[in-house]
PDB file of N, CA and C in Angstrom:
ATOM      1  N   LEU A   1     180.561-159.881 -52.374  1.00  0.00           N
ATOM      2  CA  LEU A   1     180.266-159.681 -50.776  1.00  0.00           C
ATOM      3  C   LEU A   1     180.189-158.231 -50.098  1.00  0.00           C
ATOM      4  N   TRP A   2     181.220-157.238 -51.026  1.00  0.00           N
ATOM      5  CA  TRP A   2     181.266-156.107 -50.432  1.00  0.00           C
ATOM      6  C   TRP A   2     180.092-155.645 -50.613  1.00  0.00           C
ATOM      7  N   GLN A   3     179.351-155.411 -51.628  1.00  0.00           N
ATOM      8  CA  GLN A   3     178.010-155.117 -51.951  1.00  0.00           C
ATOM      9  C   GLN A   3     177.400-155.383 -50.883  1.00  0.00           C
ATOM     10  N   ALA A   4     176.921-156.886 -50.519  1.00  0.00           N
ATOM     11  CA  ALA A   4     175.811-157.266 -49.795  1.00  0.00           C
ATOM     12  C   ALA A   4     176.098-156.605 -48.319  1.00  0.00           C
ATOM     13  N   ILE A   5     177.285-156.572 -47.941  1.00  0.00           N
ATOM     14  CA  ILE A   5     177.729-155.649 -46.283  1.00  0.00           C
ATOM     15  C   ILE A   5     177.328-154.188 -46.585  1.00  0.00           C
ATOM     16  N   LYS A   6     177.829-153.778 -48.008  1.00  0.00           N
ATOM     17  CA  LYS A   6     177.469-151.941 -48.062  1.00  0.00           C
ATOM     18  C   LYS A   6     175.989-151.679 -48.077  1.00  0.00           C
ATOM     19  N   SER A   7     174.730-152.836 -48.686  1.00  0.00           N
ATOM     20  CA  SER A   7     173.386-152.757 -48.784  1.00  0.00           C
ATOM     21  C   SER A   7     172.981-152.859 -47.439  1.00  0.00           C
ATOM     22  N   ARG A   8     173.614-153.897 -46.493  1.00  0.00           N
ATOM     23  CA  ARG A   8     172.918-154.250 -45.008  1.00  0.00           C
ATOM     24  C   ARG A   8     173.002-152.629 -43.945  1.00  0.00           C
ATOM     25  N   SER A   9     174.099-152.374 -44.465  1.00  0.00           N
ATOM     26  CA  SER A   9     174.691-151.012 -43.560  1.00  0.00           C
ATOM     27  C   SER A   9     173.645-149.660 -44.004  1.00  0.00           C
ATOM     28  N   TYR A  10     173.440-149.490 -45.194  1.00  0.00           N
ATOM     29  CA  TYR A  10     172.712-148.541 -45.926  1.00  0.00           C
ATOM     30  C   TYR A  10     171.121-148.735 -45.651  1.00  0.00           C
ATOM     31  N   LYS A  11     170.860-150.169 -45.304  1.00  0.00           N
ATOM     32  CA  LYS A  11     169.598-150.359 -44.977  1.00  0.00           C
ATOM     33  C   LYS A  11     169.221-150.054 -43.415  1.00  0.00           C
ATOM     34  N   SER A  12     170.349-150.614 -42.716  1.00  0.00           N
ATOM     35  CA  SER A  12     170.327-150.243 -41.447  1.00  0.00           C
ATOM     36  C   SER A  12     170.547-148.701 -40.767  1.00  0.00           C
ATOM     37  N   GLU A  13     170.767-148.016 -41.538  1.00  0.00           N
ATOM     38  CA  GLU A  13     170.884-146.380 -41.436  1.00  0.00           C
ATOM     39  C   GLU A  13     169.629-146.142 -41.742  1.00  0.00           C
ATOM     40  N   GLN A  14     168.929-146.508 -42.942  1.00  0.00           N
ATOM     41  CA  GLN A  14     167.962-145.907 -43.205  1.00  0.00           C
ATOM     42  C   GLN A  14     166.972-146.342 -42.181  1.00  0.00           C
ATOM     43  N   CYS A  15     167.249-147.547 -41.942  1.00  0.00           N
ATOM     44  CA  CYS A  15     165.919-147.686 -40.760  1.00  0.00           C
ATOM     45  C   CYS A  15     165.923-147.346 -39.556  1.00  0.00           C
ATOM     46  N   LYS A  16     167.242-146.377 -39.078  1.00  0.00           N
ATOM     47  CA  LYS A  16     167.234-145.440 -38.019  1.00  0.00           C
ATOM     48  C   LYS A  16     166.812-144.334 -38.397  1.00  0.00           C
ATOM     49  N   ILE A  17     166.933-144.001 -39.594  1.00  0.00           N
ATOM     50  CA  ILE A  17     166.281-142.425 -39.958  1.00  0.00           C
ATOM     51  C   ILE A  17     164.644-142.370 -39.687  1.00  0.00           C
ATOM     52  N   ASP A  18     164.451-143.889 -40.459  1.00  0.00           N
ATOM     53  CA  ASP A  18     162.514-144.136 -40.336  1.00  0.00           C
ATOM     54  C   ASP A  18     162.118-143.964 -38.945  1.00  0.00           C
ATOM     55  N   ARG A  19     163.158-144.755 -38.433  1.00  0.00           N
ATOM     56  CA  ARG A  19     162.682-144.684 -37.027  1.00  0.00           C
ATOM     57  C   ARG A  19     162.136-143.146 -36.329  1.00  0.00           C
ATOM     58  N   GLU A  20     163.666-142.131 -36.730  1.00  0.00           N
ATOM     59  CA  GLU A  20     163.522-141.043 -35.849  1.00  0.00           C
ATOM     60  C   GLU A  20     162.212-140.330 -36.247  1.00  0.00           C
ATOM     61  N   LYS A  21     162.299-140.332 -37.632  1.00  0.00           N
ATOM     62  CA  LYS A  21     161.561-139.617 -38.816  1.00  0.00           C
ATOM     63  C   LYS A  21     159.752-139.845 -38.071  1.00  0.00           C
ATOM     64  N   LEU A  22     159.594-141.052 -37.658  1.00  0.00           N
ATOM     65  CA  LEU A  22     158.123-141.484 -37.014  1.00  0.00           C
ATOM     66  C   LEU A  22     158.158-140.873 -35.559  1.00  0.00           C
ATOM     67  N   ARG A  23     159.236-140.977 -34.753  1.00  0.00           N
ATOM     68  CA  ARG A  23     159.246-140.676 -33.423  1.00  0.00           C
ATOM     69  C   ARG A  23     158.881-139.350 -33.079  1.00  0.00           C
ATOM     70  N   VAL A  24     159.829-138.503 -34.406  1.00  0.00           N
ATOM     71  CA  VAL A  24     159.551-137.274 -34.327  1.00  0.00           C
ATOM     72  C   VAL A  24     157.828-136.626 -34.676  1.00  0.00           C
ATOM     73  N   LYS A  25     157.518-137.449 -35.892  1.00  0.00           N
ATOM     74  CA  LYS A  25     156.232-137.263 -36.235  1.00  0.00           C
ATOM     75  C   LYS A  25     155.162-137.795 -35.151  1.00  0.00           C
ATOM     76  N   VAL A  26     155.321-138.472 -34.112  1.00  0.00           N
ATOM     77  CA  VAL A  26     154.693-139.066 -33.175  1.00  0.00           C
ATOM     78  C   VAL A  26     154.794-138.058 -31.939  1.00  0.00           C
ATOM     79  N   GLU A  27     155.785-137.241 -31.838  1.00  0.00           N
ATOM     80  CA  GLU A  27     155.725-136.549 -30.950  1.00  0.00           C
ATOM     81  C   GLU A  27     155.248-134.895 -31.115  1.00  0.00           C
ATOM     82  N   VAL A  28     155.178-134.546 -32.619  1.00  0.00           N
ATOM     83  CA  VAL A  28     154.282-133.833 -33.035  1.00  0.00           C
ATOM     84  C   VAL A  28     153.268-134.139 -32.779  1.00  0.00           C
ATOM     85  N   ASN A  29     152.539-134.850 -33.112  1.00  0.00           N
ATOM     86  CA  ASN A  29     151.091-135.252 -32.726  1.00  0.00           C
ATOM     87  C   ASN A  29     150.780-135.317 -31.689  1.00  0.00           C
ATOM     88  N   ASP A  30     151.539-135.437 -30.940  1.00  0.00           N
ATOM     89  CA  ASP A  30     151.206-135.498 -29.232  1.00  0.00           C
ATOM     90  C   ASP A  30     151.021-133.778 -28.978  1.00  0.00           C
ATOM     91  N   VAL A  31     151.907-132.898 -29.273  1.00  0.00           N
ATOM     92  CA  VAL A  31     152.128-131.691 -28.863  1.00  0.00           C
ATOM     93  C   VAL A  31     150.772-130.708 -29.816  1.00  0.00           C
ATOM     94  N   VAL A  32     150.299-131.262 -30.915  1.00  0.00           N
ATOM     95  CA  VAL A  32     149.380-130.565 -31.630  1.00  0.00           C
ATOM     96  C   VAL A  32     148.185-130.937 -30.788  1.00  0.00           C
ATOM     97  N   ARG A  33     147.951-132.572 -30.730  1.00  0.00           N
ATOM     98  CA  ARG A  33     146.516-132.576 -29.729  1.00  0.00           C
ATOM     99  C   ARG A  33     146.528-131.962 -28.349  1.00  0.00           C
ATOM    100  N   ASN A  34     147.450-131.986 -27.589  1.00  0.00           N
ATOM    101  CA  ASN A  34     147.570-130.947 -26.474  1.00  0.00           C
ATOM    102  C   ASN A  34     147.201-129.772 -26.466  1.00  0.00           C
ATOM    103  N   MET A  35     147.590-129.169 -27.823  1.00  0.00           N
ATOM    104  CA  MET A  35     147.166-127.698 -28.252  1.00  0.00           C
ATOM    105  C   MET A  35     146.019-127.789 -28.103  1.00  0.00           C
ATOM    106  N   GLN A  36     145.301-128.915 -29.178  1.00  0.00           N
ATOM    107  CA  GLN A  36     143.887-128.462 -29.265  1.00  0.00           C
ATOM    108  C   GLN A  36     143.001-128.862 -27.936  1.00  0.00           C
ATOM    109  N   LYS A  37     143.711-129.529 -27.278  1.00  0.00           N
ATOM    110  CA  LYS A  37     143.002-129.888 -25.783  1.00  0.00           C
ATOM    111  C   LYS A  37     142.675-128.488 -25.305  1.00  0.00           C
ATOM    112  N   GLU A  38     143.934-127.853 -24.980  1.00  0.00           N
ATOM    113  CA  GLU A  38     144.135-126.634 -24.413  1.00  0.00           C
ATOM    114  C   GLU A  38     143.146-125.479 -24.795  1.00  0.00           C
ATOM    115  N   LEU A  39     143.019-125.397 -26.247  1.00  0.00           N
ATOM    116  CA  LEU A  39     142.403-124.488 -27.051  1.00  0.00           C
ATOM    117  C   LEU A  39     140.730-124.508 -26.425  1.00  0.00           C
ATOM    118  N   LYS A  40     140.327-126.094 -26.685  1.00  0.00           N
ATOM    119  CA  LYS A  40     139.347-126.203 -26.416  1.00  0.00           C
ATOM    120  C   LYS A  40     138.529-125.608 -24.917  1.00  0.00           C
ATOM    121  N   LEU A  41     139.422-126.142 -23.839  1.00  0.00           N
ATOM    122  CA  LEU A  41     139.169-125.680 -22.578  1.00  0.00           C
ATOM    123  C   LEU A  41     139.347-123.578 -22.575  1.00  0.00           C
ATOM    124  N   ALA A  42     140.025-123.333 -22.891  1.00  0.00           N
ATOM    125  CA  ALA A  42     140.230-122.021 -23.004  1.00  0.00           C
ATOM    126  C   ALA A  42     138.916-121.560 -23.869  1.00  0.00           C
ATOM    127  N   LEU A  43     138.329-121.805 -24.748  1.00  0.00           N
ATOM    128  CA  LEU A  43     137.331-121.388 -25.298  1.00  0.00           C
ATOM    129  C   LEU A  43     136.222-121.814 -24.548  1.00  0.00           C
ATOM    130  N   SER A  44     136.246-123.273 -23.793  1.00  0.00           N
ATOM    131  CA  SER A  44     135.121-123.478 -22.707  1.00  0.00           C
ATOM    132  C   SER A  44     135.240-122.291 -21.340  1.00  0.00           C
ATOM    133  N   ARG A  45     135.622-121.588 -21.554  1.00  0.00           N
ATOM    134  CA  ARG A  45     135.893-120.387 -20.508  1.00  0.00           C
ATOM    135  C   ARG A  45     135.489-119.413 -21.086  1.00  0.00           C
ATOM    136  N   ALA A  46     135.339-118.924 -22.568  1.00  0.00           N
ATOM    137  CA  ALA A  46     135.317-117.613 -22.892  1.00  0.00           C
ATOM    138  C   ALA A  46     133.666-117.344 -22.601  1.00  0.00           C
ATOM    139  N   HIS A  47     133.414-116.117 -22.621  1.00  0.00           N
ATOM    140  CA  HIS A  47     131.797-115.682 -23.082  1.00  0.00           C
ATOM    141  C   HIS A  47     132.011-115.036 -24.513  1.00  0.00           C
ATOM    142  N   PRO A  48     130.920-115.814 -25.470  1.00  0.00           N
ATOM    143  CA  PRO A  48     130.820-114.932 -26.684  1.00  0.00           C
ATOM    144  C   PRO A  48     130.047-113.748 -26.669  1.00  0.00           C
ATOM    145  N   CYS A  49     130.321-112.781 -27.657  1.00  0.00           N
ATOM    146  CA  CYS A  49     130.082-111.551 -27.660  1.00  0.00           C
ATOM    147  C   CYS A  49     128.407-111.878 -28.174  1.00  0.00           C
ATOM    148  N   PRO A  50     127.395-110.918 -27.717  1.00  0.00           N
ATOM    149  CA  PRO A  50     126.046-110.921 -28.633  1.00  0.00           C
ATOM    150  C   PRO A  50     126.337-110.406 -29.561  1.00  0.00           C
ATOM    151  N   GLY A  51     127.175-109.046 -30.037  1.00  0.00           N
ATOM    152  CA  GLY A  51     127.107-108.546 -31.339  1.00  0.00           C
ATOM    153  C   GLY A  51     127.716-109.602 -32.281  1.00  0.00           C
ATOM    154  N   CYS A  52     129.028-110.220 -31.657  1.00  0.00           N
ATOM    155  CA  CYS A  52     129.602-110.912 -33.185  1.00  0.00           C
ATOM    156  C   CYS A  52     129.786-112.222 -32.896  1.00  0.00           C
ATOM    157  N   ARG A  53     129.573-112.483 -31.897  1.00  0.00           N
ATOM    158  CA  ARG A  53     130.069-113.960 -31.343  1.00  0.00           C
ATOM    159  C   ARG A  53     131.554-114.078 -31.172  1.00  0.00           C
ATOM    160  N   GLN A  54     132.541-113.229 -31.048  1.00  0.00           N
ATOM    161  CA  GLN A  54     133.552-113.341 -30.812  1.00  0.00           C
ATOM    162  C   GLN A  54     133.953-113.968 -29.258  1.00  0.00           C
ATOM    163  N   PRO A  55     134.361-114.924 -29.072  1.00  0.00           N
ATOM    164  CA  PRO A  55     134.804-115.365 -27.758  1.00  0.00           C
ATOM    165  C   PRO A  55     135.832-114.319 -27.157  1.00  0.00           C
ATOM    166  N   ASN A  56     135.490-113.875 -25.959  1.00  0.00           N
ATOM    167  CA  ASN A  56     136.264-112.936 -25.287  1.00  0.00           C
ATOM    168  C   ASN A  56     136.332-113.427 -23.429  1.00  0.00           C
ATOM    169  N   PHE A  57     137.209-112.814 -22.436  1.00  0.00           N
ATOM    170  CA  PHE A  57     137.505-113.234 -21.523  1.00  0.00           C
ATOM    171  C   PHE A  57     137.488-112.804 -20.344  1.00  0.00           C
ATOM    172  N   LYS A  58     136.744-112.900 -19.206  1.00  0.00           N
ATOM    173  CA  LYS A  58     137.142-111.938 -18.178  1.00  0.00           C
ATOM    174  C   LYS A  58     138.122-111.505 -17.558  1.00  0.00           C
ATOM    175  N   VAL A  59     138.181-110.229 -17.265  1.00  0.00           N
ATOM    176  CA  VAL A  59     139.284-109.994 -16.569  1.00  0.00           C
ATOM    177  C   VAL A  59     139.350-109.812 -14.947  1.00  0.00           C
ATOM    178  N   GLY A  60     139.876-110.770 -14.283  1.00  0.00           N
ATOM    179  CA  GLY A  60     139.697-111.099 -13.098  1.00  0.00           C
ATOM    180  C   GLY A  60     138.370-111.547 -12.305  1.00  0.00           C
ATOM    181  N   ASN A  61     137.750-110.978 -11.670  1.00  0.00           N
ATOM    182  CA  ASN A  61     136.238-111.295 -11.193  1.00  0.00           C
ATOM    183  C   ASN A  61     135.170-110.479 -11.920  1.00  0.00           C
ATOM    184  N   ASN A  62     135.845-109.554 -12.874  1.00  0.00           N
ATOM    185  CA  ASN A  62     134.569-108.768 -13.659  1.00  0.00           C
ATOM    186  C   ASN A  62     133.917-109.056 -14.425  1.00  0.00           C
ATOM    187  N   ASN A  63     132.630-108.930 -14.105  1.00  0.00           N
ATOM    188  CA  ASN A  63     131.510-109.644 -15.378  1.00  0.00           C
ATOM    189  C   ASN A  63     131.541-108.586 -16.362  1.00  0.00           C
ATOM    190  N   HIS A  64     131.898-107.562 -16.472  1.00  0.00           N
ATOM    191  CA  HIS A  64     131.818-106.380 -17.656  1.00  0.00           C
ATOM    192  C   HIS A  64     132.679-106.764 -18.272  1.00  0.00           C
ATOM    193  N   ILE A  65     132.579-107.278 -19.807  1.00  0.00           N
ATOM    194  CA  ILE A  65     133.408-107.505 -20.996  1.00  0.00           C
ATOM    195  C   ILE A  65     133.356-106.459 -21.841  1.00  0.00           C
ATOM    196  N   PHE A  66     134.419-105.993 -22.235  1.00  0.00           N
ATOM    197  CA  PHE A  66     134.485-105.287 -23.619  1.00  0.00           C
ATOM    198  C   PHE A  66     135.142-106.304 -25.051  1.00  0.00           C
ATOM    199  N   CYS A  67     134.186-106.186 -26.186  1.00  0.00           N
ATOM    200  CA  CYS A  67     134.509-107.039 -26.979  1.00  0.00           C
ATOM    201  C   CYS A  67     135.859-105.752 -27.988  1.00  0.00           C
ATOM    202  N   GLU A  68     136.555-106.178 -28.417  1.00  0.00           N
ATOM    203  CA  GLU A  68     137.540-105.539 -28.859  1.00  0.00           C
ATOM    204  C   GLU A  68     137.174-105.380 -30.645  1.00  0.00           C
ATOM    205  N   THR A  69     136.544-106.651 -31.190  1.00  0.00           N
ATOM    206  CA  THR A  69     136.104-107.002 -32.150  1.00  0.00           C
ATOM    207  C   THR A  69     135.059-105.835 -32.923  1.00  0.00           C
ATOM    208  N   CYS A  70     133.943-105.653 -32.135  1.00  0.00           N
ATOM    209  CA  CYS A  70     132.796-104.875 -32.340  1.00  0.00           C
ATOM    210  C   CYS A  70     132.489-103.761 -31.399  1.00  0.00           C
ATOM    211  N   ARG A  71     133.383-103.508 -30.554  1.00  0.00           N
ATOM    212  CA  ARG A  71     133.657-102.540 -29.407  1.00  0.00           C
ATOM    213  C   ARG A  71     132.231-102.140 -28.394  1.00  0.00           C
ATOM    214  N   VAL A  72     131.683-103.521 -28.442  1.00  0.00           N
ATOM    215  CA  VAL A  72     130.702-103.510 -27.557  1.00  0.00           C
ATOM    216  C   VAL A  72     130.956-104.100 -26.311  1.00  0.00           C
ATOM    217  N   HIS A  73     130.309-103.092 -25.263  1.00  0.00           N
ATOM    218  CA  HIS A  73     130.246-103.971 -23.822  1.00  0.00           C
ATOM    219  C   HIS A  73     129.104-104.700 -23.398  1.00  0.00           C
ATOM    220  N   TYR A  74     129.258-106.024 -22.942  1.00  0.00           N
ATOM    221  CA  TYR A  74     128.770-106.553 -22.439  1.00  0.00           C
ATOM    222  C   TYR A  74     128.749-107.412 -21.172  1.00  0.00           C
ATOM    223  N   CYS A  75     127.797-108.165 -20.504  1.00  0.00           N
ATOM    224  CA  CYS A  75     127.936-108.820 -19.627  1.00  0.00           C
ATOM    225  C   CYS A  75     127.833-110.390 -19.608  1.00  0.00           C
ATOM    226  N   ALA A  76     129.074-110.642 -19.042  1.00  0.00           N
ATOM    227  CA  ALA A  76     129.409-112.414 -18.799  1.00  0.00           C
ATOM    228  C   ALA A  76     128.387-113.245 -18.317  1.00  0.00           C
ATOM    229  N   LEU A  77     127.503-112.739 -17.446  1.00  0.00           N
ATOM    230  CA  LEU A  77     126.591-113.678 -16.815  1.00  0.00           C
ATOM    231  C   LEU A  77     125.186-113.664 -17.903  1.00  0.00           C
ATOM    232  N   CYS A  78     124.884-112.645 -18.091  1.00  0.00           N
ATOM    233  CA  CYS A  78     123.475-112.613 -19.025  1.00  0.00           C
ATOM    234  C   CYS A  78     123.779-112.298 -20.721  1.00  0.00           C
ATOM    235  N   HIS A  79     124.676-111.742 -20.714  1.00  0.00           N
ATOM    236  CA  HIS A  79     125.632-112.247 -22.267  1.00  0.00           C
ATOM    237  C   HIS A  79     124.215-111.033 -23.143  1.00  0.00           C
ATOM    238  N   THR A  80     123.953-109.849 -22.363  1.00  0.00           N
ATOM    239  CA  THR A  80     123.133-109.150 -22.838  1.00  0.00           C
ATOM    240  C   THR A  80     124.400-107.560 -23.024  1.00  0.00           C
ATOM    241  N   VAL A  81     123.975-106.845 -24.097  1.00  0.00           N
ATOM    242  CA  VAL A  81     124.687-105.464 -24.454  1.00  0.00           C
ATOM    243  C   VAL A  81     124.461-104.297 -22.857  1.00  0.00           C
ATOM    244  N   VAL A  82     125.760-104.179 -22.271  1.00  0.00           N
ATOM    245  CA  VAL A  82     125.789-102.922 -21.236  1.00  0.00           C
ATOM    246  C   VAL A  82     125.634-101.732 -22.028  1.00  0.00           C
ATOM    247  N   ARG A  83     124.865-100.807 -21.685  1.00  0.00           N
ATOM    248  CA  ARG A  83     125.174 -99.129 -22.051  1.00  0.00           C
ATOM    249  C   ARG A  83     125.495 -98.366 -21.073  1.00  0.00           C
ATOM    250  N   LYS A  84     125.182 -98.898 -20.235  1.00  0.00           N
ATOM    251  CA  LYS A  84     125.342 -97.824 -18.732  1.00  0.00           C
ATOM    252  C   LYS A  84     125.532 -98.726 -17.708  1.00  0.00           C
ATOM    253  N   SER A  85     127.096 -98.959 -17.113  1.00  0.00           N
ATOM    254  CA  SER A  85     127.067-100.258 -16.045  1.00  0.00           C
ATOM    255  C   SER A  85     126.188 -99.563 -14.732  1.00  0.00           C
ATOM    256  N   LYS A  86     126.051 -98.670 -14.551  1.00  0.00           N
ATOM    257  CA  LYS A  86     125.402 -98.290 -13.341  1.00  0.00           C
ATOM    258  C   LYS A  86     123.821 -98.821 -13.103  1.00  0.00           C
ATOM    259  N   GLU A  87     123.126 -98.910 -14.688  1.00  0.00           N
ATOM    260  CA  GLU A  87     121.645 -99.100 -14.921  1.00  0.00           C
ATOM    261  C   GLU A  87     121.859-100.626 -14.900  1.00  0.00           C
ATOM    262  N   HIS A  88     122.892-101.331 -15.489  1.00  0.00           N
ATOM    263  CA  HIS A  88     122.871-102.899 -15.229  1.00  0.00           C
ATOM    264  C   HIS A  88     123.199-103.781 -14.095  1.00  0.00           C
ATOM    265  N   TYR A  89     124.208-103.316 -13.424  1.00  0.00           N
ATOM    266  CA  TYR A  89     124.755-103.814 -12.501  1.00  0.00           C
ATOM    267  C   TYR A  89     124.328-103.255 -11.392  1.00  0.00           C
ATOM    268  N   GLY A  90     123.926-104.136  -9.966  1.00  0.00           N
ATOM    269  CA  GLY A  90     123.375-103.455  -8.876  1.00  0.00           C
ATOM    270  C   GLY A  90     122.150-104.499  -8.253  1.00  0.00           C
ATOM    271  N   PRO A  91     121.808-104.027  -7.266  1.00  0.00           N
ATOM    272  CA  PRO A  91     120.965-104.768  -6.613  1.00  0.00           C
ATOM    273  C   PRO A  91     119.578-105.437  -7.428  1.00  0.00           C
ATOM    274  N   ARG A  92     119.079-104.758  -8.280  1.00  0.00           N
ATOM    275  CA  ARG A  92     118.019-104.871  -9.286  1.00  0.00           C
ATOM    276  C   ARG A  92     118.845-105.590 -10.796  1.00  0.00           C
ATOM    277  N   GLY A  93     120.098-105.907 -11.058  1.00  0.00           N
ATOM    278  CA  GLY A  93     120.186-106.574 -11.949  1.00  0.00           C
ATOM    279  C   GLY A  93     121.757-107.528 -11.715  1.00  0.00           C
ATOM    280  N   CYS A  94     122.532-107.337 -12.505  1.00  0.00           N
ATOM    281  CA  CYS A  94     123.545-108.730 -12.561  1.00  0.00           C
ATOM    282  C   CYS A  94     124.625-107.930 -11.592  1.00  0.00           C
ATOM    283  N   LYS A  95     125.489-108.866 -10.894  1.00  0.00           N
ATOM    284  CA  LYS A  95     126.559-108.722 -10.116  1.00  0.00           C
ATOM    285  C   LYS A  95     127.475-108.550 -10.959  1.00  0.00           C
ATOM    286  N   GLN A  96     128.490-107.504 -10.696  1.00  0.00           N
ATOM    287  CA  GLN A  96     129.841-106.830 -11.246  1.00  0.00           C
ATOM    288  C   GLN A  96     130.842-107.628 -11.311  1.00  0.00           C
ATOM    289  N   HIS A  97     130.901-108.428  -9.923  1.00  0.00           N
ATOM    290  CA  HIS A  97     132.029-109.053  -9.889  1.00  0.00           C
ATOM    291  C   HIS A  97     131.659-110.525  -9.499  1.00  0.00           C
ATOM    292  N   THR A  98     132.416-111.562  -9.587  1.00  0.00           N
ATOM    293  CA  THR A  98     131.911-112.784  -9.304  1.00  0.00           C
ATOM    294  C   THR A  98     132.923-113.485  -9.699  1.00  0.00           C
ATOM    295  N   VAL A  99     133.281-114.558  -8.889  1.00  0.00           N
ATOM    296  CA  VAL A  99     134.557-115.597  -9.116  1.00  0.00           C
ATOM    297  C   VAL A  99     134.090-116.914 -10.196  1.00  0.00           C
ATOM    298  N   ASP A 100     134.348-117.257 -11.462  1.00  0.00           N
ATOM    299  CA  ASP A 100     133.976-118.192 -11.964  1.00  0.00           C
ATOM    300  C   ASP A 100     134.304-119.615 -11.409  1.00  0.00           C
ATOM    301  N   PRO A 101     133.515-120.755 -11.612  1.00  0.00           N
ATOM    302  CA  PRO A 101     133.472-121.718 -10.726  1.00  0.00           C
ATOM    303  C   PRO A 101     134.464-122.365 -11.233  1.00  0.00           C
ATOM    304  N   ASP A 102     134.868-122.346 -12.393  1.00  0.00           N
ATOM    305  CA  ASP A 102     136.205-123.414 -12.905  1.00  0.00           C
ATOM    306  C   ASP A 102     137.426-122.696 -12.258  1.00  0.00           C
ATOM    307  N   PHE A 103     137.699-121.612 -11.644  1.00  0.00           N
ATOM    308  CA  PHE A 103     138.753-121.438 -11.157  1.00  0.00           C
ATOM    309  C   PHE A 103     138.821-121.276  -9.468  1.00  0.00           C
ATOM    310  N   VAL A 104     137.434-121.736  -8.836  1.00  0.00           N
ATOM    311  CA  VAL A 104     137.577-121.909  -7.390  1.00  0.00           C
ATOM    312  C   VAL A 104     138.423-123.358  -7.040  1.00  0.00           C
TER     313      VAL A 104
END
């Protein structure tokens, strides 16, 4: 009789442990899923470098981006390399400052 009671008690404790492990696993999976969504959203706002395809982000409303990876300056609007800002941006070129529609 004592063995049966002891066995049930052990199984009960094991069930609690198993349920807790499952709960933690589900929570971790939820966190990972949320992080993946956030990363996907962030990357959708990135502007890939025309030289190395490294995703970079605008600073404020400035469309002039500098890629730290390959050291290239480029335009967030047309994704072309910018050698001289005053020749690329202006009345006949791209606007240097625009608000991203995602943030309005």
